[in-house]
Amino acid sequence: MIQRVQSIWLFLASLTLFLLLILPIFTKQGTSGDLSFQIGGIYQKTNNVSHKTESFTALFGGTILVGLICLANIFTFKNRSLQKNIILLTILLIIALAGWTASYAFNIPGGFDGAVFGVGAGLPIFSILFCVLAIRGIRKDEQLIRSADRLR
């Protein structure tokens, strides 16, 4: 079977999910220092020393799981319909992950007052975009195979 551009899109989608693990979603000034909200937890920086004040282990593990599903989907190229279905499942999981992250973010002390959103806030959108582009690449491959079958 053909394995082309959708592999690159799926790799970029999984890469953006893995970058979400290390990049802050937002930061804000707290009373005792800067607070940084990441997928792994809330980090507080005081006197140039950062320490974790709250941990989100389940959210961290869920993000890793969705990234691994997206990465493993590259190797299902022999079954294009399965690959498309897994990509659609991945998109749903990314949306659920974003909602889960937002529910944790709304429960931080002080809310979003004075928060500065970081690069991590937009990464789920880019990951969904890369998944949609992978589906588009799979459809183009299907059209190419159908046109080649007509020539035989």
N, C-alpha and C. Protein backbone atom coordinates (compact mmCIF):
# COMPACT_ATOMS: atom_id res chain seq x y z
N MET A 1 0.83 -1.18 0.00
CA MET A 1 0.00 0.00 0.00
C MET A 1 0.88 1.25 0.00
N ILE A 2 0.24 2.34 -0.26
CA ILE A 2 0.95 3.61 -0.34
C ILE A 2 1.07 4.21 1.06
N GLN A 3 2.25 4.65 1.39
CA GLN A 3 2.49 5.31 2.67
C GLN A 3 3.23 6.59 2.36
N ARG A 4 2.51 7.69 2.44
CA ARG A 4 3.14 8.93 2.01
C ARG A 4 2.98 10.03 3.02
N VAL A 5 2.33 11.09 2.63
CA VAL A 5 2.31 12.31 3.40
C VAL A 5 1.55 12.16 4.73
N GLN A 6 0.61 11.21 4.80
CA GLN A 6 -0.14 11.07 6.06
C GLN A 6 0.77 10.63 7.20
N SER A 7 1.86 9.96 6.90
CA SER A 7 2.81 9.58 7.95
C SER A 7 3.44 10.83 8.58
N ILE A 8 3.75 11.79 7.76
CA ILE A 8 4.34 13.04 8.26
C ILE A 8 3.33 13.78 9.12
N TRP A 9 2.07 13.85 8.65
CA TRP A 9 1.04 14.55 9.42
C TRP A 9 0.79 13.86 10.75
N LEU A 10 0.73 12.54 10.75
CA LEU A 10 0.51 11.81 12.00
C LEU A 10 1.69 11.99 12.96
N PHE A 11 2.91 12.00 12.42
CA PHE A 11 4.08 12.23 13.25
C PHE A 11 4.04 13.63 13.86
N LEU A 12 3.66 14.63 13.07
CA LEU A 12 3.58 15.99 13.59
C LEU A 12 2.48 16.12 14.64
N ALA A 13 1.37 15.40 14.45
CA ALA A 13 0.30 15.43 15.44
C ALA A 13 0.77 14.83 16.76
N SER A 14 1.48 13.70 16.69
CA SER A 14 1.98 13.10 17.93
C SER A 14 3.08 13.96 18.55
N LEU A 15 3.89 14.60 17.74
CA LEU A 15 4.93 15.49 18.26
C LEU A 15 4.33 16.68 19.01
N THR A 16 3.25 17.26 18.47
CA THR A 16 2.62 18.38 19.16
C THR A 16 1.99 17.92 20.48
N LEU A 17 1.48 16.69 20.51
CA LEU A 17 0.93 16.17 21.77
C LEU A 17 2.04 15.95 22.80
N PHE A 18 3.19 15.47 22.34
CA PHE A 18 4.30 15.27 23.27
C PHE A 18 4.91 16.60 23.72
N LEU A 19 4.88 17.62 22.85
CA LEU A 19 5.35 18.95 23.26
C LEU A 19 4.44 19.55 24.32
N LEU A 20 3.17 19.14 24.29
CA LEU A 20 2.21 19.62 25.28
C LEU A 20 2.62 19.19 26.69
N LEU A 21 3.41 18.13 26.79
CA LEU A 21 3.85 17.64 28.10
C LEU A 21 4.85 18.58 28.77
N ILE A 22 5.61 19.32 27.98
CA ILE A 22 6.68 20.13 28.56
C ILE A 22 6.45 21.63 28.47
N LEU A 23 5.57 22.06 27.56
CA LEU A 23 5.34 23.49 27.39
C LEU A 23 4.20 23.96 28.30
N PRO A 24 4.33 25.15 28.88
CA PRO A 24 3.26 25.65 29.75
C PRO A 24 2.04 26.07 28.95
N ILE A 25 0.87 25.82 29.52
CA ILE A 25 -0.37 26.24 28.89
C ILE A 25 -0.62 27.71 29.21
N PHE A 26 -0.45 28.08 30.47
CA PHE A 26 -0.48 29.49 30.82
C PHE A 26 0.33 29.72 32.08
N THR A 27 0.72 30.96 32.26
CA THR A 27 1.44 31.38 33.46
C THR A 27 0.72 32.60 34.03
N LYS A 28 0.86 32.77 35.31
CA LYS A 28 0.27 33.95 35.94
C LYS A 28 1.05 34.31 37.18
N GLN A 29 0.95 35.56 37.55
CA GLN A 29 1.61 36.06 38.75
C GLN A 29 0.76 35.68 39.96
N GLY A 30 1.36 34.97 40.89
CA GLY A 30 0.69 34.65 42.13
C GLY A 30 1.19 35.52 43.26
N THR A 31 0.62 35.34 44.41
CA THR A 31 1.05 36.15 45.56
C THR A 31 2.44 35.76 46.03
N SER A 32 2.78 34.49 45.86
CA SER A 32 4.09 34.03 46.34
C SER A 32 5.05 33.70 45.20
N GLY A 33 4.72 34.09 43.97
CA GLY A 33 5.60 33.84 42.84
C GLY A 33 4.81 33.54 41.59
N ASP A 34 5.52 33.18 40.52
CA ASP A 34 4.87 32.85 39.26
C ASP A 34 4.31 31.44 39.31
N LEU A 35 3.05 31.28 38.84
CA LEU A 35 2.44 29.96 38.69
C LEU A 35 2.46 29.58 37.23
N SER A 36 2.86 28.36 36.93
CA SER A 36 2.88 27.86 35.57
C SER A 36 2.02 26.61 35.51
N PHE A 37 0.99 26.63 34.66
CA PHE A 37 0.09 25.51 34.51
C PHE A 37 0.53 24.68 33.32
N GLN A 38 0.88 23.41 33.58
CA GLN A 38 1.28 22.48 32.54
C GLN A 38 0.44 21.23 32.66
N ILE A 39 0.56 20.34 31.68
CA ILE A 39 -0.20 19.08 31.71
C ILE A 39 0.22 18.25 32.92
N GLY A 40 1.45 18.31 33.31
CA GLY A 40 1.94 17.52 34.43
C GLY A 40 1.54 18.06 35.79
N GLY A 41 1.17 19.32 35.87
CA GLY A 41 0.78 19.90 37.15
C GLY A 41 0.98 21.40 37.18
N ILE A 42 0.87 21.93 38.36
CA ILE A 42 1.07 23.36 38.57
C ILE A 42 2.44 23.55 39.20
N TYR A 43 3.24 24.41 38.58
CA TYR A 43 4.58 24.69 39.07
C TYR A 43 4.63 26.12 39.59
N GLN A 44 5.26 26.30 40.73
CA GLN A 44 5.42 27.62 41.31
C GLN A 44 6.89 27.98 41.32
N LYS A 45 7.18 29.17 40.84
CA LYS A 45 8.57 29.64 40.76
C LYS A 45 8.75 30.77 41.77
N THR A 46 9.59 30.51 42.75
CA THR A 46 9.94 31.53 43.74
C THR A 46 11.45 31.59 43.85
N ASN A 47 11.98 32.78 43.80
CA ASN A 47 13.43 33.00 43.89
C ASN A 47 14.19 32.18 42.84
N ASN A 48 13.68 32.15 41.63
CA ASN A 48 14.26 31.43 40.49
C ASN A 48 14.38 29.92 40.73
N VAL A 49 13.59 29.39 41.64
CA VAL A 49 13.54 27.95 41.88
C VAL A 49 12.10 27.50 41.64
N SER A 50 11.95 26.52 40.75
CA SER A 50 10.62 26.03 40.39
C SER A 50 10.36 24.70 41.10
N HIS A 51 9.17 24.58 41.69
CA HIS A 51 8.79 23.31 42.31
C HIS A 51 7.31 23.05 42.04
N LYS A 52 6.97 21.79 41.98
CA LYS A 52 5.62 21.38 41.65
C LYS A 52 4.74 21.48 42.90
N THR A 53 3.63 22.21 42.77
CA THR A 53 2.72 22.35 43.90
C THR A 53 1.53 21.40 43.79
N GLU A 54 1.17 21.03 42.57
CA GLU A 54 0.06 20.11 42.37
C GLU A 54 0.38 19.24 41.17
N SER A 55 0.03 17.96 41.24
CA SER A 55 0.35 17.02 40.18
C SER A 55 -0.92 16.52 39.51
N PHE A 56 -0.88 16.42 38.18
CA PHE A 56 -1.99 15.88 37.39
C PHE A 56 -1.52 14.61 36.69
N THR A 57 -1.36 13.54 37.44
CA THR A 57 -0.79 12.30 36.90
C THR A 57 -1.68 11.68 35.84
N ALA A 58 -2.99 11.65 36.08
CA ALA A 58 -3.91 11.03 35.12
C ALA A 58 -3.95 11.82 33.81
N LEU A 59 -3.94 13.13 33.90
CA LEU A 59 -3.93 13.97 32.70
C LEU A 59 -2.63 13.79 31.93
N PHE A 60 -1.53 13.70 32.64
CA PHE A 60 -0.22 13.48 32.02
C PHE A 60 -0.20 12.13 31.29
N GLY A 61 -0.69 11.09 31.96
CA GLY A 61 -0.75 9.77 31.34
C GLY A 61 -1.69 9.72 30.16
N GLY A 62 -2.82 10.42 30.24
CA GLY A 62 -3.76 10.46 29.12
C GLY A 62 -3.16 11.13 27.91
N THR A 63 -2.38 12.17 28.13
CA THR A 63 -1.73 12.87 27.02
C THR A 63 -0.70 11.97 26.36
N ILE A 64 0.06 11.23 27.16
CA ILE A 64 1.03 10.29 26.60
C ILE A 64 0.32 9.21 25.80
N LEU A 65 -0.79 8.70 26.32
CA LEU A 65 -1.55 7.65 25.64
C LEU A 65 -2.07 8.12 24.29
N VAL A 66 -2.64 9.31 24.23
CA VAL A 66 -3.16 9.83 22.96
C VAL A 66 -2.01 10.06 21.97
N GLY A 67 -0.89 10.55 22.44
CA GLY A 67 0.27 10.73 21.57
C GLY A 67 0.80 9.42 21.02
N LEU A 68 0.81 8.39 21.86
CA LEU A 68 1.27 7.07 21.40
C LEU A 68 0.29 6.44 20.41
N ILE A 69 -1.01 6.65 20.62
CA ILE A 69 -2.00 6.15 19.66
C ILE A 69 -1.78 6.80 18.30
N CYS A 70 -1.55 8.08 18.32
CA CYS A 70 -1.31 8.82 17.07
C CYS A 70 -0.02 8.35 16.39
N LEU A 71 1.00 8.10 17.18
CA LEU A 71 2.28 7.64 16.63
C LEU A 71 2.17 6.21 16.10
N ALA A 72 1.47 5.34 16.82
CA ALA A 72 1.32 3.95 16.39
C ALA A 72 0.44 3.84 15.14
N ASN A 73 -0.42 4.82 14.94
CA ASN A 73 -1.31 4.80 13.78
C ASN A 73 -0.55 4.94 12.46
N ILE A 74 0.66 5.42 12.52
CA ILE A 74 1.48 5.52 11.30
C ILE A 74 1.68 4.13 10.69
N PHE A 75 1.78 3.12 11.53
CA PHE A 75 2.12 1.78 11.05
C PHE A 75 0.91 0.96 10.62
N THR A 76 -0.29 1.56 10.61
CA THR A 76 -1.47 0.86 10.11
C THR A 76 -1.78 1.27 8.68
N PHE A 77 -0.76 1.61 7.90
CA PHE A 77 -0.97 2.13 6.57
C PHE A 77 -1.51 1.10 5.60
N LYS A 78 -1.41 -0.19 5.92
CA LYS A 78 -1.92 -1.21 5.00
C LYS A 78 -3.44 -1.29 5.01
N ASN A 79 -4.06 -0.76 6.04
CA ASN A 79 -5.51 -0.75 6.14
C ASN A 79 -5.96 0.70 6.30
N ARG A 80 -6.24 1.33 5.16
CA ARG A 80 -6.55 2.76 5.16
C ARG A 80 -7.83 3.10 5.91
N SER A 81 -8.84 2.26 5.82
CA SER A 81 -10.09 2.56 6.53
C SER A 81 -9.88 2.49 8.04
N LEU A 82 -9.10 1.52 8.51
CA LEU A 82 -8.78 1.45 9.93
C LEU A 82 -7.98 2.67 10.36
N GLN A 83 -7.04 3.08 9.52
CA GLN A 83 -6.22 4.24 9.83
C GLN A 83 -7.08 5.50 9.96
N LYS A 84 -8.04 5.67 9.06
CA LYS A 84 -8.93 6.83 9.16
C LYS A 84 -9.78 6.78 10.42
N ASN A 85 -10.27 5.59 10.76
CA ASN A 85 -11.09 5.47 11.97
C ASN A 85 -10.28 5.76 13.23
N ILE A 86 -9.04 5.32 13.27
CA ILE A 86 -8.19 5.61 14.42
C ILE A 86 -7.88 7.11 14.51
N ILE A 87 -7.72 7.75 13.36
CA ILE A 87 -7.49 9.19 13.36
C ILE A 87 -8.71 9.93 13.90
N LEU A 88 -9.90 9.49 13.49
CA LEU A 88 -11.12 10.12 14.02
C LEU A 88 -11.25 9.91 15.52
N LEU A 89 -10.89 8.73 15.99
CA LEU A 89 -10.88 8.46 17.43
C LEU A 89 -9.86 9.36 18.13
N THR A 90 -8.72 9.54 17.52
CA THR A 90 -7.68 10.40 18.09
C THR A 90 -8.16 11.84 18.20
N ILE A 91 -8.87 12.32 17.17
CA ILE A 91 -9.40 13.68 17.22
C ILE A 91 -10.37 13.83 18.38
N LEU A 92 -11.24 12.83 18.57
CA LEU A 92 -12.18 12.88 19.70
C LEU A 92 -11.43 12.85 21.04
N LEU A 93 -10.38 12.05 21.12
CA LEU A 93 -9.60 11.99 22.35
C LEU A 93 -8.86 13.30 22.63
N ILE A 94 -8.40 13.97 21.59
CA ILE A 94 -7.72 15.25 21.76
C ILE A 94 -8.71 16.29 22.27
N ILE A 95 -9.93 16.28 21.73
CA ILE A 95 -10.96 17.22 22.20
C ILE A 95 -11.29 16.94 23.66
N ALA A 96 -11.43 15.64 24.00
CA ALA A 96 -11.71 15.28 25.39
C ALA A 96 -10.55 15.69 26.30
N LEU A 97 -9.34 15.51 25.82
CA LEU A 97 -8.16 15.90 26.59
C LEU A 97 -8.11 17.41 26.83
N ALA A 98 -8.49 18.18 25.81
CA ALA A 98 -8.52 19.63 25.96
C ALA A 98 -9.59 20.05 26.98
N GLY A 99 -10.73 19.38 26.95
CA GLY A 99 -11.77 19.68 27.94
C GLY A 99 -11.34 19.30 29.34
N TRP A 100 -10.66 18.18 29.46
CA TRP A 100 -10.15 17.72 30.76
C TRP A 100 -9.12 18.71 31.30
N THR A 101 -8.26 19.18 30.42
CA THR A 101 -7.26 20.17 30.82
C THR A 101 -7.93 21.47 31.27
N ALA A 102 -8.97 21.88 30.53
CA ALA A 102 -9.68 23.10 30.89
C ALA A 102 -10.36 22.96 32.25
N SER A 103 -10.88 21.77 32.54
CA SER A 103 -11.53 21.58 33.84
C SER A 103 -10.52 21.70 34.99
N TYR A 104 -9.30 21.22 34.78
CA TYR A 104 -8.26 21.42 35.79
C TYR A 104 -7.86 22.89 35.87
N ALA A 105 -7.81 23.57 34.73
CA ALA A 105 -7.37 24.97 34.71
C ALA A 105 -8.37 25.88 35.41
N PHE A 106 -9.66 25.56 35.31
CA PHE A 106 -10.67 26.40 35.96
C PHE A 106 -10.63 26.27 37.48
N ASN A 107 -10.02 25.20 37.98
CA ASN A 107 -9.98 24.97 39.42
C ASN A 107 -8.73 25.48 40.11
N ILE A 108 -7.87 26.19 39.38
CA ILE A 108 -6.67 26.71 40.03
C ILE A 108 -7.05 27.90 40.90
N PRO A 109 -6.29 28.17 41.94
CA PRO A 109 -6.61 29.31 42.81
C PRO A 109 -6.48 30.64 42.07
N GLY A 110 -7.49 31.46 42.19
CA GLY A 110 -7.45 32.78 41.56
C GLY A 110 -7.99 32.83 40.15
N GLY A 111 -8.26 31.69 39.54
CA GLY A 111 -8.81 31.67 38.19
C GLY A 111 -7.82 32.14 37.15
N PHE A 112 -8.36 32.74 36.08
CA PHE A 112 -7.53 33.19 34.96
C PHE A 112 -7.15 34.66 35.05
N ASP A 113 -7.41 35.29 36.18
CA ASP A 113 -7.10 36.71 36.30
C ASP A 113 -5.59 36.94 36.17
N GLY A 114 -5.21 37.71 35.18
CA GLY A 114 -3.80 38.02 34.96
C GLY A 114 -3.00 36.90 34.31
N ALA A 115 -3.67 35.91 33.74
CA ALA A 115 -2.97 34.79 33.12
C ALA A 115 -2.49 35.16 31.72
N VAL A 116 -1.32 34.68 31.39
CA VAL A 116 -0.76 34.86 30.05
C VAL A 116 -0.68 33.48 29.42
N PHE A 117 -1.43 33.28 28.34
CA PHE A 117 -1.47 31.97 27.70
C PHE A 117 -0.20 31.73 26.92
N GLY A 118 0.31 30.51 27.04
CA GLY A 118 1.54 30.13 26.37
C GLY A 118 1.30 29.33 25.11
N VAL A 119 2.35 28.79 24.58
CA VAL A 119 2.30 28.02 23.35
C VAL A 119 1.47 26.74 23.54
N GLY A 120 1.51 26.18 24.72
CA GLY A 120 0.81 24.93 24.99
C GLY A 120 -0.70 25.04 24.84
N ALA A 121 -1.25 26.24 24.95
CA ALA A 121 -2.70 26.41 24.83
C ALA A 121 -3.18 26.14 23.41
N GLY A 122 -2.35 26.37 22.41
CA GLY A 122 -2.75 26.17 21.02
C GLY A 122 -2.35 24.84 20.43
N LEU A 123 -1.56 24.06 21.14
CA LEU A 123 -1.07 22.81 20.58
C LEU A 123 -2.16 21.78 20.28
N PRO A 124 -3.22 21.64 21.10
CA PRO A 124 -4.27 20.68 20.72
C PRO A 124 -4.94 21.04 19.39
N ILE A 125 -5.07 22.33 19.11
CA ILE A 125 -5.66 22.75 17.84
C ILE A 125 -4.77 22.34 16.67
N PHE A 126 -3.46 22.52 16.83
CA PHE A 126 -2.54 22.11 15.78
C PHE A 126 -2.54 20.60 15.60
N SER A 127 -2.64 19.88 16.68
CA SER A 127 -2.68 18.43 16.60
C SER A 127 -3.92 17.95 15.85
N ILE A 128 -5.06 18.56 16.12
CA ILE A 128 -6.29 18.22 15.38
C ILE A 128 -6.13 18.57 13.91
N LEU A 129 -5.53 19.71 13.62
CA LEU A 129 -5.31 20.11 12.23
C LEU A 129 -4.42 19.10 11.50
N PHE A 130 -3.36 18.64 12.15
CA PHE A 130 -2.49 17.65 11.53
C PHE A 130 -3.24 16.33 11.29
N CYS A 131 -4.12 15.96 12.20
CA CYS A 131 -4.91 14.73 12.01
C CYS A 131 -5.86 14.88 10.82
N VAL A 132 -6.47 16.04 10.67
CA VAL A 132 -7.37 16.28 9.53
C VAL A 132 -6.58 16.24 8.23
N LEU A 133 -5.38 16.80 8.23
CA LEU A 133 -4.55 16.74 7.03
C LEU A 133 -4.12 15.30 6.71
N ALA A 134 -3.94 14.47 7.73
CA ALA A 134 -3.62 13.07 7.50
C ALA A 134 -4.80 12.34 6.84
N ILE A 135 -6.00 12.64 7.29
CA ILE A 135 -7.19 12.05 6.66
C ILE A 135 -7.28 12.48 5.20
N ARG A 136 -6.98 13.72 4.95
CA ARG A 136 -6.98 14.21 3.56
C ARG A 136 -5.96 13.47 2.71
N GLY A 137 -4.78 13.21 3.27
CA GLY A 137 -3.76 12.45 2.53
C GLY A 137 -4.20 11.02 2.26
N ILE A 138 -4.89 10.40 3.20
CA ILE A 138 -5.39 9.04 3.00
C ILE A 138 -6.43 9.02 1.89
N ARG A 139 -7.31 10.01 1.88
CA ARG A 139 -8.33 10.09 0.82
C ARG A 139 -7.69 10.26 -0.55
N LYS A 140 -6.64 11.06 -0.63
CA LYS A 140 -5.94 11.23 -1.91
C LYS A 140 -5.31 9.92 -2.37
N ASP A 141 -4.76 9.16 -1.44
CA ASP A 141 -4.20 7.86 -1.78
C ASP A 141 -5.28 6.91 -2.29
N GLU A 142 -6.45 6.93 -1.66
CA GLU A 142 -7.55 6.09 -2.11
C GLU A 142 -7.98 6.46 -3.52
N GLN A 143 -8.04 7.75 -3.81
CA GLN A 143 -8.39 8.19 -5.16
C GLN A 143 -7.34 7.77 -6.17
N LEU A 144 -6.09 7.84 -5.79
CA LEU A 144 -5.00 7.42 -6.69
C LEU A 144 -5.09 5.93 -6.98
N ILE A 145 -5.38 5.14 -5.99
CA ILE A 145 -5.49 3.69 -6.19
C ILE A 145 -6.70 3.36 -7.06
N ARG A 146 -7.82 4.06 -6.84
CA ARG A 146 -9.01 3.83 -7.68
C ARG A 146 -8.74 4.19 -9.13
N SER A 147 -8.02 5.28 -9.38
CA SER A 147 -7.73 5.66 -10.75
C SER A 147 -6.74 4.69 -11.39
N ALA A 148 -5.84 4.14 -10.61
CA ALA A 148 -4.91 3.17 -11.15
C ALA A 148 -5.63 1.85 -11.45
N ASP A 149 -6.63 1.49 -10.66
CA ASP A 149 -7.40 0.28 -10.92
C ASP A 149 -8.23 0.43 -12.20
N ARG A 150 -8.69 1.62 -12.51
CA ARG A 150 -9.45 1.83 -13.74
C ARG A 150 -8.58 1.67 -14.97
N LEU A 151 -7.29 1.94 -14.84
CA LEU A 151 -6.40 1.83 -16.00
C LEU A 151 -6.03 0.38 -16.32
N ARG A 152 -6.18 -0.51 -15.36
CA ARG A 152 -5.80 -1.91 -15.60
C ARG A 152 -6.72 -2.61 -16.49
